C-alpha atoms as a PDB file:
ATOM      1  CA  MET A   1     -18.431   9.812  -2.986  1.00  0.00           C
ATOM      2  CA  ALA A   2     -15.528  10.380  -0.586  1.00  0.00           C
ATOM      3  CA  LEU A   3     -12.456   8.194  -0.916  1.00  0.00           C
ATOM      4  CA  ASP A   4     -12.081   5.154   1.299  1.00  0.00           C
ATOM      5  CA  TYR A   5      -8.900   5.616   3.311  1.00  0.00           C
ATOM      6  CA  LEU A   6      -7.050   4.558   6.415  1.00  0.00           C
ATOM      7  CA  THR A   7      -4.702   6.437   8.691  1.00  0.00           C
ATOM      8  CA  PHE A   8      -1.435   5.213  10.172  1.00  0.00           C
ATOM      9  CA  PRO A   9      -0.604   5.020  13.015  1.00  0.00           C
ATOM     10  CA  ASP A  10      -4.086   4.322  14.323  1.00  0.00           C
ATOM     11  CA  GLU A  11      -3.524   6.615  17.291  1.00  0.00           C
ATOM     12  CA  LEU A  12      -1.166   9.553  17.787  1.00  0.00           C
ATOM     13  CA  ASP A  13      -0.563  11.646  20.878  1.00  0.00           C
ATOM     14  CA  ARG A  14      -0.449  14.548  18.455  1.00  0.00           C
ATOM     15  CA  ALA A  15      -0.272  15.024  14.687  1.00  0.00           C
ATOM     16  CA  ASP A  16       2.057  17.833  13.633  1.00  0.00           C
ATOM     17  CA  TYR A  17       2.437  16.638  10.044  1.00  0.00           C
ATOM     18  CA  ALA A  18       0.301  14.809   7.494  1.00  0.00           C
ATOM     19  CA  MET A  19       1.533  12.695   4.599  1.00  0.00           C
ATOM     20  CA  ILE A  20      -1.032  11.757   1.972  1.00  0.00           C
ATOM     21  CA  GLY A  21       0.182   8.570   0.286  1.00  0.00           C
ATOM     22  CA  LEU A  22      -1.227   7.864  -3.174  1.00  0.00           C
ATOM     23  CA  HIS A  23      -0.798   4.354  -4.556  1.00  0.00           C
ATOM     24  CA  GLY A  24      -0.300   3.345  -8.172  1.00  0.00           C
ATOM     25  CA  ARG A  25      -2.718   1.802 -10.663  1.00  0.00           C
ATOM     26  CA  ASN A  26      -4.383  -1.514  -9.782  1.00  0.00           C
ATOM     27  CA  ALA A  27      -3.603  -1.277  -6.072  1.00  0.00           C
ATOM     28  CA  ASN A  28      -5.391   0.045  -2.984  1.00  0.00           C
ATOM     29  CA  LYS A  29      -4.921   1.850   0.320  1.00  0.00           C
ATOM     30  CA  TYR A  30      -2.759  -0.933   1.762  1.00  0.00           C
ATOM     31  CA  ALA A  31      -0.089  -0.722  -0.953  1.00  0.00           C
ATOM     32  CA  PHE A  32       1.936   1.988   0.805  1.00  0.00           C
ATOM     33  CA  PHE A  33       2.346   0.162   4.127  1.00  0.00           C
ATOM     34  CA  PRO A  34       5.843  -1.273   3.523  1.00  0.00           C
ATOM     35  CA  PHE A  35       7.082   2.167   2.477  1.00  0.00           C
ATOM     36  CA  VAL A  36       5.346   4.071   5.270  1.00  0.00           C
ATOM     37  CA  ARG A  37       6.808   1.835   7.962  1.00  0.00           C
ATOM     38  CA  GLN A  38      10.304   2.792   6.813  1.00  0.00           C
ATOM     39  CA  MET A  39       9.722   6.534   7.101  1.00  0.00           C
ATOM     40  CA  GLY A  40       9.432   6.540  10.890  1.00  0.00           C
ATOM     41  CA  PHE A  41       8.586  10.217  11.426  1.00  0.00           C
ATOM     42  CA  LEU A  42       7.231  11.010  14.859  1.00  0.00           C
ATOM     43  CA  HIS A  43       3.989  12.973  15.330  1.00  0.00           C
ATOM     44  CA  THR A  44       3.143  12.327  11.682  1.00  0.00           C
ATOM     45  CA  ARG A  45      -0.156  11.042  10.322  1.00  0.00           C
ATOM     46  CA  TRP A  46      -0.214   9.073   7.100  1.00  0.00           C
ATOM     47  CA  VAL A  47      -3.478   9.265   5.165  1.00  0.00           C
ATOM     48  CA  LEU A  48      -3.704   6.360   2.712  1.00  0.00           C
ATOM     49  CA  PRO A  49      -6.699   6.429   0.351  1.00  0.00           C
ATOM     50  CA  SER A  50      -7.846   3.885  -2.174  1.00  0.00           C
ATOM     51  CA  ALA A  51      -8.135   5.482  -5.593  1.00  0.00           C
ATOM     52  CA  THR A  52     -11.336   6.859  -7.062  1.00  0.00           C
ATOM     53  CA  PHE A  53     -12.238   4.179  -9.600  1.00  0.00           C
ATOM     54  CA  ALA A  54     -12.635   0.404  -9.196  1.00  0.00           C
ATOM     55  CA  GLY A  55     -11.597  -2.288 -11.613  1.00  0.00           C
ATOM     56  CA  GLU A  56     -14.253  -4.479 -13.204  1.00  0.00           C
ATOM     57  CA  GLU A  57     -13.059  -7.693 -11.587  1.00  0.00           C
ATOM     58  CA  SER A  58     -12.523  -6.489  -8.024  1.00  0.00           C
ATOM     59  CA  ALA A  59     -13.449  -3.462  -5.972  1.00  0.00           C
ATOM     60  CA  ASP A  60     -10.038  -3.782  -4.261  1.00  0.00           C
ATOM     61  CA  VAL A  61      -8.235  -2.960  -7.515  1.00  0.00           C
ATOM     62  CA  ARG A  62      -8.335   0.786  -7.879  1.00  0.00           C
ATOM     63  CA  TRP A  63      -7.076   3.439 -10.282  1.00  0.00           C
ATOM     64  CA  TRP A  64      -7.031   7.243 -10.394  1.00  0.00           C
ATOM     65  CA  PHE A  65      -7.746   7.550 -14.127  1.00  0.00           C
ATOM     66  CA  ASP A  66      -7.797   5.312 -17.179  1.00  0.00           C
ATOM     67  CA  ASN A  67      -4.207   4.813 -18.275  1.00  0.00           C
ATOM     68  CA  ASP A  68      -4.952   4.827 -21.996  1.00  0.00           C
ATOM     69  CA  ARG A  69      -7.506   7.618 -22.266  1.00  0.00           C
ATOM     70  CA  LYS A  70      -6.105   9.893 -19.561  1.00  0.00           C
ATOM     71  CA  ASP A  71      -9.530  11.476 -19.488  1.00  0.00           C
ATOM     72  CA  PRO A  72      -9.230  15.018 -18.046  1.00  0.00           C
ATOM     73  CA  VAL A  73     -12.641  14.555 -16.374  1.00  0.00           C
ATOM     74  CA  GLU A  74     -11.425  11.475 -14.481  1.00  0.00           C
ATOM     75  CA  VAL A  75      -8.202  13.236 -13.516  1.00  0.00           C
ATOM     76  CA  GLN A  76     -10.203  16.220 -12.294  1.00  0.00           C
ATOM     77  CA  GLN A  77     -12.527  13.990 -10.275  1.00  0.00           C
ATOM     78  CA  SER A  78      -9.599  12.292  -8.562  1.00  0.00           C
ATOM     79  CA  ARG A  79      -7.941  15.652  -7.976  1.00  0.00           C
ATOM     80  CA  GLY A  80     -11.085  16.877  -6.267  1.00  0.00           C
ATOM     81  CA  GLU A  81     -11.164  13.868  -3.947  1.00  0.00           C
ATOM     82  CA  ILE A  82      -7.499  14.283  -2.991  1.00  0.00           C
ATOM     83  CA  THR A  83      -8.042  18.001  -2.449  1.00  0.00           C
ATOM     84  CA  ARG A  84     -10.786  17.152   0.029  1.00  0.00           C
ATOM     85  CA  LEU A  85      -8.338  14.955   1.937  1.00  0.00           C
ATOM     86  CA  ILE A  86      -5.941  17.898   2.167  1.00  0.00           C
ATOM     87  CA  ASP A  87      -8.781  20.159   3.304  1.00  0.00           C
ATOM     88  CA  ALA A  88      -9.671  17.649   6.026  1.00  0.00           C
ATOM     89  CA  GLN A  89      -6.123  17.764   7.420  1.00  0.00           C
ATOM     90  CA  LEU A  90      -6.290  21.558   7.502  1.00  0.00           C
ATOM     91  CA  ALA A  91      -9.619  21.378   9.319  1.00  0.00           C
ATOM     92  CA  ASP A  92      -7.958  19.074  11.857  1.00  0.00           C
ATOM     93  CA  GLY A  93      -5.415  21.758  12.668  1.00  0.00           C
ATOM     94  CA  ILE A  94      -2.399  20.755  10.591  1.00  0.00           C
ATOM     95  CA  PRO A  95      -0.838  23.796   8.874  1.00  0.00           C
ATOM     96  CA  PRO A  96      -0.734  23.587   5.055  1.00  0.00           C
ATOM     97  CA  GLU A  97       3.076  23.800   5.028  1.00  0.00           C
ATOM     98  CA  ASN A  98       3.127  20.590   7.119  1.00  0.00           C
ATOM     99  CA  ILE A  99       1.152  18.583   4.556  1.00  0.00           C
ATOM    100  CA  PHE A 100       3.033  16.527   1.961  1.00  0.00           C
ATOM    101  CA  LEU A 101       1.811  14.488  -1.005  1.00  0.00           C
ATOM    102  CA  VAL A 102       3.689  11.260  -1.687  1.00  0.00           C
ATOM    103  CA  GLY A 103       2.751   9.159  -4.704  1.00  0.00           C
ATOM    104  CA  PHE A 104       3.916   6.219  -6.797  1.00  0.00           C
ATOM    105  CA  SER A 105       3.194   5.812 -10.537  1.00  0.00           C
ATOM    106  CA  GLN A 106      -0.414   7.032 -11.060  1.00  0.00           C
ATOM    107  CA  GLY A 107      -0.253   8.276  -7.477  1.00  0.00           C
ATOM    108  CA  ALA A 108       2.824  10.319  -8.414  1.00  0.00           C
ATOM    109  CA  VAL A 109       0.890  11.796 -11.333  1.00  0.00           C
ATOM    110  CA  MET A 110      -1.929  12.815  -8.987  1.00  0.00           C
ATOM    111  CA  SER A 111       0.450  14.182  -6.341  1.00  0.00           C
ATOM    112  CA  VAL A 112       1.915  16.655  -8.826  1.00  0.00           C
ATOM    113  CA  ASP A 113      -1.417  17.376 -10.503  1.00  0.00           C
ATOM    114  CA  THR A 114      -3.150  18.176  -7.207  1.00  0.00           C
ATOM    115  CA  ALA A 115      -0.452  19.920  -5.178  1.00  0.00           C
ATOM    116  CA  LEU A 116       0.532  22.399  -7.884  1.00  0.00           C
ATOM    117  CA  ARG A 117      -3.073  23.552  -8.161  1.00  0.00           C
ATOM    118  CA  TYR A 118      -3.714  23.774  -4.419  1.00  0.00           C
ATOM    119  CA  PRO A 119      -4.426  27.370  -3.275  1.00  0.00           C
ATOM    120  CA  GLN A 120      -2.283  27.219  -0.121  1.00  0.00           C
ATOM    121  CA  ARG A 121       1.441  26.504   0.149  1.00  0.00           C
ATOM    122  CA  LEU A 122       1.984  22.831   0.937  1.00  0.00           C
ATOM    123  CA  GLY A 123       5.083  21.244   2.436  1.00  0.00           C
ATOM    124  CA  GLY A 124       6.307  19.270  -0.548  1.00  0.00           C
ATOM    125  CA  ILE A 125       5.773  16.621  -3.204  1.00  0.00           C
ATOM    126  CA  VAL A 126       7.396  13.202  -3.527  1.00  0.00           C
ATOM    127  CA  ALA A 127       6.556  11.798  -6.971  1.00  0.00           C
ATOM    128  CA  LEU A 128       7.993   8.354  -7.746  1.00  0.00           C
ATOM    129  CA  SER A 129       7.980   6.768 -11.209  1.00  0.00           C
ATOM    130  CA  GLY A 130       5.337   9.118 -12.603  1.00  0.00           C
ATOM    131  CA  TYR A 131       4.818  11.913 -15.109  1.00  0.00           C
ATOM    132  CA  VAL A 132       2.904  15.167 -15.641  1.00  0.00           C
ATOM    133  CA  VAL A 133      -0.513  14.505 -17.138  1.00  0.00           C
ATOM    134  CA  HIS A 134      -1.832  17.236 -19.479  1.00  0.00           C
ATOM    135  CA  PRO A 135       1.022  19.720 -18.891  1.00  0.00           C
ATOM    136  CA  ASP A 136      -0.728  22.403 -20.938  1.00  0.00           C
ATOM    137  CA  TYR A 137      -3.668  22.340 -18.540  1.00  0.00           C
ATOM    138  CA  LEU A 138      -1.273  22.480 -15.597  1.00  0.00           C
ATOM    139  CA  ARG A 139       0.460  25.530 -17.028  1.00  0.00           C
ATOM    140  CA  GLU A 140      -2.870  27.373 -17.109  1.00  0.00           C
ATOM    141  CA  GLU A 141      -4.374  26.067 -13.872  1.00  0.00           C
ATOM    142  CA  ARG A 142      -1.447  25.892 -11.423  1.00  0.00           C
ATOM    143  CA  HIS A 143      -1.650  28.146  -8.390  1.00  0.00           C
ATOM    144  CA  GLU A 144       0.980  30.692  -7.476  1.00  0.00           C
ATOM    145  CA  ALA A 145       0.880  29.531  -3.835  1.00  0.00           C
ATOM    146  CA  ASN A 146       2.912  26.443  -4.779  1.00  0.00           C
ATOM    147  CA  LEU A 147       5.328  27.878  -7.323  1.00  0.00           C
ATOM    148  CA  ARG A 148       8.192  27.283  -4.842  1.00  0.00           C
ATOM    149  CA  ILE A 149       7.093  23.955  -3.401  1.00  0.00           C
ATOM    150  CA  PRO A 150       9.941  21.412  -2.958  1.00  0.00           C
ATOM    151  CA  ILE A 151       9.588  18.499  -5.394  1.00  0.00           C
ATOM    152  CA  PHE A 152      11.408  15.159  -5.179  1.00  0.00           C
ATOM    153  CA  LEU A 153      11.199  13.130  -8.402  1.00  0.00           C
ATOM    154  CA  ALA A 154      12.585   9.616  -8.796  1.00  0.00           C
ATOM    155  CA  HIS A 155      12.619   7.063 -11.579  1.00  0.00           C
ATOM    156  CA  GLY A 156      14.129   3.635 -12.163  1.00  0.00           C
ATOM    157  CA  THR A 157      16.593   3.211 -15.013  1.00  0.00           C
ATOM    158  CA  ARG A 158      15.245  -0.324 -15.585  1.00  0.00           C
ATOM    159  CA  ASP A 159      11.573   0.660 -15.479  1.00  0.00           C
ATOM    160  CA  HIS A 160       9.732  -1.221 -18.256  1.00  0.00           C
ATOM    161  CA  ILE A 161       6.296   0.166 -17.313  1.00  0.00           C
ATOM    162  CA  LEU A 162       7.245   3.832 -17.611  1.00  0.00           C
ATOM    163  CA  SER A 163      10.712   4.129 -19.106  1.00  0.00           C
ATOM    164  CA  VAL A 164      13.373   6.314 -17.560  1.00  0.00           C
ATOM    165  CA  GLU A 165      12.877   8.660 -20.517  1.00  0.00           C
ATOM    166  CA  VAL A 166       9.407   9.363 -19.116  1.00  0.00           C
ATOM    167  CA  GLY A 167      11.030  10.328 -15.818  1.00  0.00           C
ATOM    168  CA  ARG A 168      13.509  12.603 -17.557  1.00  0.00           C
ATOM    169  CA  GLU A 169      10.702  14.255 -19.497  1.00  0.00           C
ATOM    170  CA  ASN A 170       8.794  14.676 -16.224  1.00  0.00           C
ATOM    171  CA  ASN A 171      11.782  16.518 -14.796  1.00  0.00           C
ATOM    172  CA  ARG A 172      12.143  18.637 -17.941  1.00  0.00           C
ATOM    173  CA  VAL A 173       8.465  19.657 -17.973  1.00  0.00           C
ATOM    174  CA  LEU A 174       8.459  20.739 -14.325  1.00  0.00           C
ATOM    175  CA  THR A 175      11.821  22.497 -14.601  1.00  0.00           C
ATOM    176  CA  ASP A 176      10.638  24.368 -17.702  1.00  0.00           C
ATOM    177  CA  LEU A 177       7.585  25.474 -15.722  1.00  0.00           C
ATOM    178  CA  GLY A 178       9.968  27.030 -13.196  1.00  0.00           C
ATOM    179  CA  TYR A 179       9.781  24.498 -10.355  1.00  0.00           C
ATOM    180  CA  ASP A 180      12.760  23.583  -8.184  1.00  0.00           C
ATOM    181  CA  VAL A 181      13.046  19.838  -8.778  1.00  0.00           C
ATOM    182  CA  ASP A 182      15.276  17.344  -6.963  1.00  0.00           C
ATOM    183  CA  TYR A 183      15.458  14.661  -9.687  1.00  0.00           C
ATOM    184  CA  ASN A 184      16.995  11.251  -8.994  1.00  0.00           C
ATOM    185  CA  GLU A 185      17.483   8.011 -10.932  1.00  0.00           C
ATOM    186  CA  TYR A 186      17.969   4.573  -9.407  1.00  0.00           C
ATOM    187  CA  ASP A 187      19.114   1.211 -10.736  1.00  0.00           C
ATOM    188  CA  THR A 188      15.723  -0.409 -10.322  1.00  0.00           C
ATOM    189  CA  ALA A 189      12.541  -1.332 -12.198  1.00  0.00           C
ATOM    190  CA  HIS A 190       9.008   0.058 -11.592  1.00  0.00           C
ATOM    191  CA  ARG A 191       9.400  -0.006  -7.838  1.00  0.00           C
ATOM    192  CA  VAL A 192      10.954   1.917  -4.955  1.00  0.00           C
ATOM    193  CA  SER A 193      14.509   0.878  -4.128  1.00  0.00           C
ATOM    194  CA  SER A 194      16.093   0.874  -0.669  1.00  0.00           C
ATOM    195  CA  GLN A 195      18.426   3.753  -1.553  1.00  0.00           C
ATOM    196  CA  GLU A 196      15.464   5.675  -2.939  1.00  0.00           C
ATOM    197  CA  THR A 197      13.622   5.172   0.335  1.00  0.00           C
ATOM    198  CA  ARG A 198      16.567   6.557   2.301  1.00  0.00           C
ATOM    199  CA  ASP A 199      16.820   9.572  -0.008  1.00  0.00           C
ATOM    200  CA  ILE A 200      13.090  10.259   0.322  1.00  0.00           C
ATOM    201  CA  ARG A 201      13.384  10.084   4.077  1.00  0.00           C
ATOM    202  CA  ALA A 202      16.238  12.607   4.020  1.00  0.00           C
ATOM    203  CA  PHE A 203      14.318  14.912   1.642  1.00  0.00           C
ATOM    204  CA  LEU A 204      11.233  14.899   3.849  1.00  0.00           C
ATOM    205  CA  HIS A 205      13.316  15.399   6.998  1.00  0.00           C
ATOM    206  CA  ARG A 206      14.991  18.429   5.414  1.00  0.00           C
ATOM    207  CA  HIS A 207      11.731  20.076   4.433  1.00  0.00           C
ATOM    208  CA  MET A 208       9.856  19.163   7.600  1.00  0.00           C
ATOM    209  CA  TYR A 209      12.481  20.302  10.092  1.00  0.00           C
ATOM    210  CA  GLY A 210      14.838  22.491   8.099  1.00  0.00           C
ATOM    211  CA  ILE A 211      17.889  20.369   8.920  1.00  0.00           C
ATOM    212  CA  GLU A 212      19.838  17.645   7.166  1.00  0.00           C
ATOM    213  CA  LEU A 213      19.580  14.035   8.237  1.00  0.00           C
ATOM    214  CA  ASP A 214      23.182  13.144   7.462  1.00  0.00           C
ATOM    215  CA  ASP A 215      22.620   9.417   8.004  1.00  0.00           C
ATOM    216  CA  PRO A 216      19.007   8.427   7.199  1.00  0.00           C
ATOM    217  CA  ARG A 217      19.396   5.193   9.185  1.00  0.00           C
ATOM    218  CA  LYS A 218      20.217   6.765  12.516  1.00  0.00           C
ATOM    219  CA  GLN A 219      17.807   7.946  15.164  1.00  0.00           C
ATOM    220  CA  ASP A 220      17.344  11.593  15.995  1.00  0.00           C
ATOM    221  CA  GLU A 221      14.676  13.489  17.882  1.00  0.00           C
ATOM    222  CA  HIS A 222      12.298  13.444  14.900  1.00  0.00           C
ATOM    223  CA  VAL A 223      12.445   9.869  13.657  1.00  0.00           C
ATOM    224  CA  VAL A 224      12.680   6.287  14.777  1.00  0.00           C
ATOM    225  CA  THR A 225      15.218   3.902  13.265  1.00  0.00           C
ATOM    226  CA  PHE A 226      14.462   1.325  10.594  1.00  0.00           C
END
């Protein structure tokens, strides 16, 4: 069954870029809205899916895989659904290098897991407060098309859900696999800080347009202020 998702903004005069935003465990497609509104990129479509699996108590509580078991079959199923979302953006005319995966927590796990296996070069990965699931599988299954994909990793030093040591190990695993990682730590818990948001915005701006956004709060021809 295809993922339930929404797009933001509802209408665009044109979509040059696509950002696929993947929420964390026990959330849904609406969880990324506060973050997305602060990005402000023009001519950019955000695709915000609810995760593959539903919690027992509410269909609005979703997860990409069971946190304890980390079942490779569940991870693979979620990867397949996210891959279909990427394919749909390609079919809509957006070049693969203009498609980015942005994820938080379990969504960060799936962003890395999916993008590094994708058979066409994507624009980049933003993986916040996550980790690499089954790195041995990734080593065998990753695709050469995305060996040079830009990766922004971030983790909170006060994260009590996934400790900062998990973030540092995430960076080590990807660096050892040969990826160019922009790793950052922030004085925050299991959340996205305001400085982190500004740094993400600058990272995306750099890899979308090939130029630095020297002040992420100012307006230029590509973004609106926040």
